[in-house]
Amino acid sequence: MKLRWSQRALADLQRLADRMAADDKPLAAQAFVEAIADRVARLEEFPLLGRQGRLDDTRELLVHKNYLVSYRLRADEVQLLQVWHVARERRG
């Protein structure tokens, strides 16, 4: 299966990395993004790796400590929908 990042998921990831970099942690921000990308890449081979999501037709994968990625499966594609901290309220 191929991966497709939604604009929202990419914006979420960028916002999180920018926040880390602004705290004078640019290397940590880069490592954070790389770790999430590596973890998400596993979905290409194992699309059911995550658990059933709270919303119908979605799944959630823990990608880095307290961060989840929401995704859904469509035909031959894994659509990455959102990156969020488990303590925060998700957007609909």
PDB file of N, CA and C in Angstrom:
ATOM      1  N   MET A   1       0.839  -1.181   0.000  1.00  0.00           N
ATOM      2  CA  MET A   1       0.000   0.000   0.000  1.00  0.00           C
ATOM      3  C   MET A   1       0.884   1.244   0.000  1.00  0.00           C
ATOM      4  N   LYS A   2       0.353   2.295  -0.539  1.00  0.00           N
ATOM      5  CA  LYS A   2       1.121   3.538  -0.519  1.00  0.00           C
ATOM      6  C   LYS A   2       0.559   4.464   0.558  1.00  0.00           C
ATOM      7  N   LEU A   3       1.404   5.361   1.021  1.00  0.00           N
ATOM      8  CA  LEU A   3       1.019   6.330   2.046  1.00  0.00           C
ATOM      9  C   LEU A   3       0.680   7.660   1.400  1.00  0.00           C
ATOM     10  N   ARG A   4      -0.358   8.303   1.916  1.00  0.00           N
ATOM     11  CA  ARG A   4      -0.692   9.650   1.458  1.00  0.00           C
ATOM     12  C   ARG A   4      -0.978  10.507   2.687  1.00  0.00           C
ATOM     13  N   TRP A   5      -0.155  11.528   2.876  1.00  0.00           N
ATOM     14  CA  TRP A   5      -0.323  12.457   3.993  1.00  0.00           C
ATOM     15  C   TRP A   5      -1.354  13.513   3.600  1.00  0.00           C
ATOM     16  N   SER A   6      -2.346  13.730   4.437  1.00  0.00           N
ATOM     17  CA  SER A   6      -3.288  14.824   4.206  1.00  0.00           C
ATOM     18  C   SER A   6      -2.598  16.143   4.537  1.00  0.00           C
ATOM     19  N   GLN A   7      -3.160  17.233   4.035  1.00  0.00           N
ATOM     20  CA  GLN A   7      -2.620  18.552   4.351  1.00  0.00           C
ATOM     21  C   GLN A   7      -2.660  18.792   5.857  1.00  0.00           C
ATOM     22  N   ARG A   8      -3.736  18.345   6.505  1.00  0.00           N
ATOM     23  CA  ARG A   8      -3.874  18.524   7.954  1.00  0.00           C
ATOM     24  C   ARG A   8      -2.764  17.786   8.702  1.00  0.00           C
ATOM     25  N   ALA A   9      -2.510  16.537   8.325  1.00  0.00           N
ATOM     26  CA  ALA A   9      -1.477  15.759   9.012  1.00  0.00           C
ATOM     27  C   ALA A   9      -0.098  16.392   8.815  1.00  0.00           C
ATOM     28  N   LEU A  10       0.189  16.834   7.610  1.00  0.00           N
ATOM     29  CA  LEU A  10       1.476  17.497   7.361  1.00  0.00           C
ATOM     30  C   LEU A  10       1.595  18.790   8.160  1.00  0.00           C
ATOM     31  N   ALA A  11       0.507  19.550   8.224  1.00  0.00           N
ATOM     32  CA  ALA A  11       0.518  20.799   8.999  1.00  0.00           C
ATOM     33  C   ALA A  11       0.701  20.513  10.483  1.00  0.00           C
ATOM     34  N   ASP A  12       0.051  19.453  10.979  1.00  0.00           N
ATOM     35  CA  ASP A  12       0.215  19.068  12.385  1.00  0.00           C
ATOM     36  C   ASP A  12       1.669  18.737  12.681  1.00  0.00           C
ATOM     37  N   LEU A  13       2.271  17.931  11.827  1.00  0.00           N
ATOM     38  CA  LEU A  13       3.659  17.519  12.026  1.00  0.00           C
ATOM     39  C   LEU A  13       4.592  18.726  11.963  1.00  0.00           C
ATOM     40  N   GLN A  14       4.357  19.606  11.017  1.00  0.00           N
ATOM     41  CA  GLN A  14       5.185  20.813  10.893  1.00  0.00           C
ATOM     42  C   GLN A  14       5.046  21.695  12.129  1.00  0.00           C
ATOM     43  N   ARG A  15       3.829  21.879  12.606  1.00  0.00           N
ATOM     44  CA  ARG A  15       3.583  22.710  13.794  1.00  0.00           C
ATOM     45  C   ARG A  15       4.313  22.144  15.011  1.00  0.00           C
ATOM     46  N   LEU A  16       4.251  20.831  15.184  1.00  0.00           N
ATOM     47  CA  LEU A  16       4.924  20.197  16.322  1.00  0.00           C
ATOM     48  C   LEU A  16       6.448  20.355  16.210  1.00  0.00           C
ATOM     49  N   ALA A  17       6.976  20.138  15.019  1.00  0.00           N
ATOM     50  CA  ALA A  17       8.424  20.284  14.811  1.00  0.00           C
ATOM     51  C   ALA A  17       8.858  21.734  15.000  1.00  0.00           C
ATOM     52  N   ASP A  18       8.059  22.672  14.502  1.00  0.00           N
ATOM     53  CA  ASP A  18       8.391  24.094  14.669  1.00  0.00           C
ATOM     54  C   ASP A  18       8.407  24.485  16.136  1.00  0.00           C
ATOM     55  N   ARG A  19       7.476  23.952  16.895  1.00  0.00           N
ATOM     56  CA  ARG A  19       7.422  24.262  18.330  1.00  0.00           C
ATOM     57  C   ARG A  19       8.687  23.762  19.034  1.00  0.00           C
ATOM     58  N   MET A  20       9.131  22.551  18.683  1.00  0.00           N
ATOM     59  CA  MET A  20      10.366  22.019  19.282  1.00  0.00           C
ATOM     60  C   MET A  20      11.569  22.856  18.869  1.00  0.00           C
ATOM     61  N   ALA A  21      11.641  23.193  17.601  1.00  0.00           N
ATOM     62  CA  ALA A  21      12.777  23.970  17.103  1.00  0.00           C
ATOM     63  C   ALA A  21      12.806  25.352  17.746  1.00  0.00           C
ATOM     64  N   ALA A  22      11.644  25.932  17.998  1.00  0.00           N
ATOM     65  CA  ALA A  22      11.575  27.253  18.634  1.00  0.00           C
ATOM     66  C   ALA A  22      12.080  27.214  20.070  1.00  0.00           C
ATOM     67  N   ASP A  23      12.022  26.036  20.675  1.00  0.00           N
ATOM     68  CA  ASP A  23      12.534  25.864  22.040  1.00  0.00           C
ATOM     69  C   ASP A  23      14.024  25.530  22.031  1.00  0.00           C
ATOM     70  N   ASP A  24      14.714  25.938  20.952  1.00  0.00           N
ATOM     71  CA  ASP A  24      16.151  25.687  20.793  1.00  0.00           C
ATOM     72  C   ASP A  24      16.479  24.200  20.795  1.00  0.00           C
ATOM     73  N   LYS A  25      15.610  23.416  20.157  1.00  0.00           N
ATOM     74  CA  LYS A  25      15.836  21.974  20.049  1.00  0.00           C
ATOM     75  C   LYS A  25      15.681  21.522  18.595  1.00  0.00           C
ATOM     76  N   PRO A  26      16.440  22.115  17.669  1.00  0.00           N
ATOM     77  CA  PRO A  26      16.268  21.747  16.255  1.00  0.00           C
ATOM     78  C   PRO A  26      16.625  20.293  15.966  1.00  0.00           C
ATOM     79  N   LEU A  27      17.625  19.762  16.649  1.00  0.00           N
ATOM     80  CA  LEU A  27      17.979  18.356  16.430  1.00  0.00           C
ATOM     81  C   LEU A  27      16.892  17.433  16.954  1.00  0.00           C
ATOM     82  N   ALA A  28      16.291  17.796  18.072  1.00  0.00           N
ATOM     83  CA  ALA A  28      15.183  16.999  18.614  1.00  0.00           C
ATOM     84  C   ALA A  28      13.988  17.050  17.670  1.00  0.00           C
ATOM     85  N   ALA A  29      13.740  18.201  17.077  1.00  0.00           N
ATOM     86  CA  ALA A  29      12.633  18.340  16.125  1.00  0.00           C
ATOM     87  C   ALA A  29      12.857  17.450  14.908  1.00  0.00           C
ATOM     88  N   GLN A  30      14.076  17.458  14.401  1.00  0.00           N
ATOM     89  CA  GLN A  30      14.400  16.616  13.249  1.00  0.00           C
ATOM     90  C   GLN A  30      14.262  15.136  13.603  1.00  0.00           C
ATOM     91  N   ALA A  31      14.754  14.741  14.760  1.00  0.00           N
ATOM     92  CA  ALA A  31      14.649  13.342  15.200  1.00  0.00           C
ATOM     93  C   ALA A  31      13.189  12.941  15.390  1.00  0.00           C
ATOM     94  N   PHE A  32      12.378  13.855  15.903  1.00  0.00           N
ATOM     95  CA  PHE A  32      10.953  13.622  16.103  1.00  0.00           C
ATOM     96  C   PHE A  32      10.265  13.328  14.771  1.00  0.00           C
ATOM     97  N   VAL A  33      10.498  14.172  13.785  1.00  0.00           N
ATOM     98  CA  VAL A  33       9.885  13.991  12.463  1.00  0.00           C
ATOM     99  C   VAL A  33      10.359  12.683  11.832  1.00  0.00           C
ATOM    100  N   GLU A  34      11.634  12.391  11.933  1.00  0.00           N
ATOM    101  CA  GLU A  34      12.174  11.153  11.355  1.00  0.00           C
ATOM    102  C   GLU A  34      11.587   9.920  12.038  1.00  0.00           C
ATOM    103  N   ALA A  35      11.441   9.974  13.352  1.00  0.00           N
ATOM    104  CA  ALA A  35      10.873   8.837  14.088  1.00  0.00           C
ATOM    105  C   ALA A  35       9.429   8.595  13.673  1.00  0.00           C
ATOM    106  N   ILE A  36       8.676   9.653  13.512  1.00  0.00           N
ATOM    107  CA  ILE A  36       7.283   9.501  13.091  1.00  0.00           C
ATOM    108  C   ILE A  36       7.219   8.962  11.660  1.00  0.00           C
ATOM    109  N   ALA A  37       8.030   9.476  10.776  1.00  0.00           N
ATOM    110  CA  ALA A  37       8.050   8.997   9.397  1.00  0.00           C
ATOM    111  C   ALA A  37       8.417   7.519   9.323  1.00  0.00           C
ATOM    112  N   ASP A  38       9.393   7.106  10.123  1.00  0.00           N
ATOM    113  CA  ASP A  38       9.793   5.694  10.152  1.00  0.00           C
ATOM    114  C   ASP A  38       8.663   4.804  10.654  1.00  0.00           C
ATOM    115  N   ARG A  39       8.005   5.246  11.702  1.00  0.00           N
ATOM    116  CA  ARG A  39       6.915   4.453  12.284  1.00  0.00           C
ATOM    117  C   ARG A  39       5.738   4.358  11.310  1.00  0.00           C
ATOM    118  N   VAL A  40       5.389   5.468  10.696  1.00  0.00           N
ATOM    119  CA  VAL A  40       4.274   5.491   9.751  1.00  0.00           C
ATOM    120  C   VAL A  40       4.580   4.634   8.521  1.00  0.00           C
ATOM    121  N   ALA A  41       5.841   4.597   8.101  1.00  0.00           N
ATOM    122  CA  ALA A  41       6.231   3.813   6.932  1.00  0.00           C
ATOM    123  C   ALA A  41       5.889   2.338   7.092  1.00  0.00           C
ATOM    124  N   ARG A  42       5.828   1.855   8.306  1.00  0.00           N
ATOM    125  CA  ARG A  42       5.473   0.452   8.553  1.00  0.00           C
ATOM    126  C   ARG A  42       4.050   0.141   8.093  1.00  0.00           C
ATOM    127  N   LEU A  43       3.218   1.171   8.000  1.00  0.00           N
ATOM    128  CA  LEU A  43       1.834   0.967   7.558  1.00  0.00           C
ATOM    129  C   LEU A  43       1.751   0.523   6.095  1.00  0.00           C
ATOM    130  N   GLU A  44       2.799   0.793   5.326  1.00  0.00           N
ATOM    131  CA  GLU A  44       2.804   0.345   3.927  1.00  0.00           C
ATOM    132  C   GLU A  44       2.698  -1.176   3.851  1.00  0.00           C
ATOM    133  N   GLU A  45       3.376  -1.863   4.742  1.00  0.00           N
ATOM    134  CA  GLU A  45       3.337  -3.325   4.771  1.00  0.00           C
ATOM    135  C   GLU A  45       2.286  -3.878   5.719  1.00  0.00           C
ATOM    136  N   PHE A  46       2.026  -3.145   6.794  1.00  0.00           N
ATOM    137  CA  PHE A  46       1.107  -3.615   7.829  1.00  0.00           C
ATOM    138  C   PHE A  46       0.039  -2.556   8.105  1.00  0.00           C
ATOM    139  N   PRO A  47      -0.905  -2.361   7.184  1.00  0.00           N
ATOM    140  CA  PRO A  47      -1.877  -1.274   7.332  1.00  0.00           C
ATOM    141  C   PRO A  47      -2.810  -1.414   8.532  1.00  0.00           C
ATOM    142  N   LEU A  48      -2.935  -2.599   9.089  1.00  0.00           N
ATOM    143  CA  LEU A  48      -3.792  -2.795  10.263  1.00  0.00           C
ATOM    144  C   LEU A  48      -3.005  -2.738  11.563  1.00  0.00           C
ATOM    145  N   LEU A  49      -1.796  -2.223  11.499  1.00  0.00           N
ATOM    146  CA  LEU A  49      -0.915  -2.149  12.662  1.00  0.00           C
ATOM    147  C   LEU A  49      -1.537  -1.360  13.809  1.00  0.00           C
ATOM    148  N   GLY A  50      -2.220  -0.291  13.512  1.00  0.00           N
ATOM    149  CA  GLY A  50      -2.831   0.537  14.549  1.00  0.00           C
ATOM    150  C   GLY A  50      -4.115  -0.076  15.074  1.00  0.00           C
ATOM    151  N   ARG A  51      -4.660   0.569  16.086  1.00  0.00           N
ATOM    152  CA  ARG A  51      -5.917   0.115  16.687  1.00  0.00           C
ATOM    153  C   ARG A  51      -7.101   0.808  16.005  1.00  0.00           C
ATOM    154  N   GLN A  52      -8.278   0.281  16.243  1.00  0.00           N
ATOM    155  CA  GLN A  52      -9.494   0.913  15.741  1.00  0.00           C
ATOM    156  C   GLN A  52      -9.583   2.323  16.298  1.00  0.00           C
ATOM    157  N   GLY A  53      -9.910   3.294  15.459  1.00  0.00           N
ATOM    158  CA  GLY A  53     -10.007   4.680  15.880  1.00  0.00           C
ATOM    159  C   GLY A  53     -11.336   4.977  16.547  1.00  0.00           C
ATOM    160  N   ARG A  54     -11.412   6.140  17.162  1.00  0.00           N
ATOM    161  CA  ARG A  54     -12.664   6.564  17.793  1.00  0.00           C
ATOM    162  C   ARG A  54     -13.723   6.921  16.769  1.00  0.00           C
ATOM    163  N   LEU A  55     -13.310   7.425  15.631  1.00  0.00           N
ATOM    164  CA  LEU A  55     -14.244   7.756  14.560  1.00  0.00           C
ATOM    165  C   LEU A  55     -14.403   6.549  13.643  1.00  0.00           C
ATOM    166  N   ASP A  56     -15.602   6.369  13.112  1.00  0.00           N
ATOM    167  CA  ASP A  56     -15.852   5.261  12.198  1.00  0.00           C
ATOM    168  C   ASP A  56     -14.859   5.288  11.051  1.00  0.00           C
ATOM    169  N   ASP A  57     -14.423   4.109  10.662  1.00  0.00           N
ATOM    170  CA  ASP A  57     -13.583   3.953   9.484  1.00  0.00           C
ATOM    171  C   ASP A  57     -12.193   4.566   9.634  1.00  0.00           C
ATOM    172  N   THR A  58     -11.735   4.753  10.882  1.00  0.00           N
ATOM    173  CA  THR A  58     -10.374   5.256  11.101  1.00  0.00           C
ATOM    174  C   THR A  58      -9.618   4.294  11.999  1.00  0.00           C
ATOM    175  N   ARG A  59      -8.312   4.443  11.974  1.00  0.00           N
ATOM    176  CA  ARG A  59      -7.421   3.697  12.854  1.00  0.00           C
ATOM    177  C   ARG A  59      -6.459   4.703  13.473  1.00  0.00           C
ATOM    178  N   GLU A  60      -5.806   4.303  14.553  1.00  0.00           N
ATOM    179  CA  GLU A  60      -4.851   5.173  15.249  1.00  0.00           C
ATOM    180  C   GLU A  60      -3.581   4.385  15.544  1.00  0.00           C
ATOM    181  N   LEU A  61      -2.459   5.016  15.305  1.00  0.00           N
ATOM    182  CA  LEU A  61      -1.166   4.384  15.533  1.00  0.00           C
ATOM    183  C   LEU A  61      -0.326   5.269  16.443  1.00  0.00           C
ATOM    184  N   LEU A  62       0.164   4.691  17.532  1.00  0.00           N
ATOM    185  CA  LEU A  62       1.095   5.403  18.403  1.00  0.00           C
ATOM    186  C   LEU A  62       2.417   5.502  17.651  1.00  0.00           C
ATOM    187  N   VAL A  63       2.858   6.730  17.411  1.00  0.00           N
ATOM    188  CA  VAL A  63       4.042   6.922  16.573  1.00  0.00           C
ATOM    189  C   VAL A  63       5.252   7.468  17.323  1.00  0.00           C
ATOM    190  N   HIS A  64       5.024   8.051  18.502  1.00  0.00           N
ATOM    191  CA  HIS A  64       6.149   8.610  19.255  1.00  0.00           C
ATOM    192  C   HIS A  64       5.666   8.963  20.650  1.00  0.00           C
ATOM    193  N   LYS A  65       6.085   8.238  21.633  1.00  0.00           N
ATOM    194  CA  LYS A  65       5.685   8.457  23.022  1.00  0.00           C
ATOM    195  C   LYS A  65       4.190   8.728  23.142  1.00  0.00           C
ATOM    196  N   ASN A  66       3.796   9.980  23.281  1.00  0.00           N
ATOM    197  CA  ASN A  66       2.388  10.318  23.463  1.00  0.00           C
ATOM    198  C   ASN A  66       1.722  10.880  22.212  1.00  0.00           C
ATOM    199  N   TYR A  67       2.252  10.572  21.051  1.00  0.00           N
ATOM    200  CA  TYR A  67       1.691  11.093  19.808  1.00  0.00           C
ATOM    201  C   TYR A  67       1.085   9.976  18.970  1.00  0.00           C
ATOM    202  N   LEU A  68      -0.102  10.257  18.449  1.00  0.00           N
ATOM    203  CA  LEU A  68      -0.829   9.322  17.597  1.00  0.00           C
ATOM    204  C   LEU A  68      -1.005   9.911  16.209  1.00  0.00           C
ATOM    205  N   VAL A  69      -1.126   9.029  15.240  1.00  0.00           N
ATOM    206  CA  VAL A  69      -1.536   9.409  13.894  1.00  0.00           C
ATOM    207  C   VAL A  69      -2.861   8.712  13.635  1.00  0.00           C
ATOM    208  N   SER A  70      -3.842   9.489  13.211  1.00  0.00           N
ATOM    209  CA  SER A  70      -5.116   8.923  12.773  1.00  0.00           C
ATOM    210  C   SER A  70      -5.003   8.669  11.278  1.00  0.00           C
ATOM    211  N   TYR A  71      -5.533   7.525  10.844  1.00  0.00           N
ATOM    212  CA  TYR A  71      -5.474   7.208   9.419  1.00  0.00           C
ATOM    213  C   TYR A  71      -6.674   6.359   9.019  1.00  0.00           C
ATOM    214  N   ARG A  72      -6.860   6.237   7.717  1.00  0.00           N
ATOM    215  CA  ARG A  72      -7.897   5.354   7.198  1.00  0.00           C
ATOM    216  C   ARG A  72      -7.355   4.637   5.973  1.00  0.00           C
ATOM    217  N   LEU A  73      -7.973   3.530   5.658  1.00  0.00           N
ATOM    218  CA  LEU A  73      -7.562   2.723   4.519  1.00  0.00           C
ATOM    219  C   LEU A  73      -8.543   2.942   3.376  1.00  0.00           C
ATOM    220  N   ARG A  74      -8.013   3.180   2.209  1.00  0.00           N
ATOM    221  CA  ARG A  74      -8.811   3.351   1.002  1.00  0.00           C
ATOM    222  C   ARG A  74      -8.122   2.599  -0.128  1.00  0.00           C
ATOM    223  N   ALA A  75      -8.788   1.589  -0.671  1.00  0.00           N
ATOM    224  CA  ALA A  75      -8.253   0.796  -1.781  1.00  0.00           C
ATOM    225  C   ALA A  75      -6.810   0.378  -1.492  1.00  0.00           C
ATOM    226  N   ASP A  76      -5.857   0.893  -2.246  1.00  0.00           N
ATOM    227  CA  ASP A  76      -4.445   0.536  -2.046  1.00  0.00           C
ATOM    228  C   ASP A  76      -3.675   1.640  -1.351  1.00  0.00           C
ATOM    229  N   GLU A  77      -4.368   2.437  -0.534  1.00  0.00           N
ATOM    230  CA  GLU A  77      -3.764   3.633   0.050  1.00  0.00           C
ATOM    231  C   GLU A  77      -4.041   3.723   1.549  1.00  0.00           C
ATOM    232  N   VAL A  78      -3.020   4.155   2.285  1.00  0.00           N
ATOM    233  CA  VAL A  78      -3.175   4.518   3.696  1.00  0.00           C
ATOM    234  C   VAL A  78      -3.182   6.036   3.735  1.00  0.00           C
ATOM    235  N   GLN A  79      -4.307   6.602   4.146  1.00  0.00           N
ATOM    236  CA  GLN A  79      -4.452   8.053   4.192  1.00  0.00           C
ATOM    237  C   GLN A  79      -4.217   8.533   5.617  1.00  0.00           C
ATOM    238  N   LEU A  80      -3.124   9.274   5.810  1.00  0.00           N
ATOM    239  CA  LEU A  80      -2.766   9.802   7.120  1.00  0.00           C
ATOM    240  C   LEU A  80      -3.535  11.098   7.329  1.00  0.00           C
ATOM    241  N   LEU A  81      -4.349  11.128   8.373  1.00  0.00           N
ATOM    242  CA  LEU A  81      -5.308  12.209   8.550  1.00  0.00           C
ATOM    243  C   LEU A  81      -4.871  13.290   9.527  1.00  0.00           C
ATOM    244  N   GLN A  82      -4.227  12.889  10.635  1.00  0.00           N
ATOM    245  CA  GLN A  82      -3.934  13.855  11.688  1.00  0.00           C
ATOM    246  C   GLN A  82      -2.838  13.315  12.590  1.00  0.00           C
ATOM    247  N   VAL A  83      -1.998  14.203  13.096  1.00  0.00           N
ATOM    248  CA  VAL A  83      -0.986  13.875  14.103  1.00  0.00           C
ATOM    249  C   VAL A  83      -1.361  14.666  15.343  1.00  0.00           C
ATOM    250  N   TRP A  84      -1.467  14.010  16.481  1.00  0.00           N
ATOM    251  CA  TRP A  84      -1.925  14.716  17.676  1.00  0.00           C
ATOM    252  C   TRP A  84      -1.376  14.069  18.948  1.00  0.00           C
ATOM    253  N   HIS A  85      -1.290  14.889  19.978  1.00  0.00           N
ATOM    254  CA  HIS A  85      -0.865  14.445  21.309  1.00  0.00           C
ATOM    255  C   HIS A  85      -2.077  13.841  21.996  1.00  0.00           C
ATOM    256  N   VAL A  86      -1.880  12.725  22.658  1.00  0.00           N
ATOM    257  CA  VAL A  86      -3.010  12.012  23.251  1.00  0.00           C
ATOM    258  C   VAL A  86      -3.735  12.828  24.317  1.00  0.00           C
ATOM    259  N   ALA A  87      -3.089  13.815  24.910  1.00  0.00           N
ATOM    260  CA  ALA A  87      -3.722  14.637  25.947  1.00  0.00           C
ATOM    261  C   ALA A  87      -4.555  15.766  25.351  1.00  0.00           C
ATOM    262  N   ARG A  88      -4.457  15.977  24.048  1.00  0.00           N
ATOM    263  CA  ARG A  88      -5.181  17.081  23.404  1.00  0.00           C
ATOM    264  C   ARG A  88      -6.449  16.560  22.740  1.00  0.00           C
ATOM    265  N   GLU A  89      -7.402  17.426  22.617  1.00  0.00           N
ATOM    266  CA  GLU A  89      -8.639  17.103  21.913  1.00  0.00           C
ATOM    267  C   GLU A  89      -8.352  17.070  20.406  1.00  0.00           C
ATOM    268  N   ARG A  90      -8.835  16.056  19.746  1.00  0.00           N
ATOM    269  CA  ARG A  90      -8.654  15.964  18.305  1.00  0.00           C
ATOM    270  C   ARG A  90      -9.649  16.845  17.575  1.00  0.00           C
ATOM    271  N   ARG A  91      -9.223  17.300  16.413  1.00  0.00           N
ATOM    272  CA  ARG A  91     -10.132  18.029  15.524  1.00  0.00           C
ATOM    273  C   ARG A  91     -10.945  17.010  14.753  1.00  0.00           C
ATOM    274  N   GLY A  92     -12.163  17.390  14.379  1.00  0.00           N
ATOM    275  CA  GLY A  92     -13.066  16.479  13.683  1.00  0.00           C
ATOM    276  C   GLY A  92     -12.751  16.237  12.268  1.00  0.00           C
TER     277      GLY A  92
END
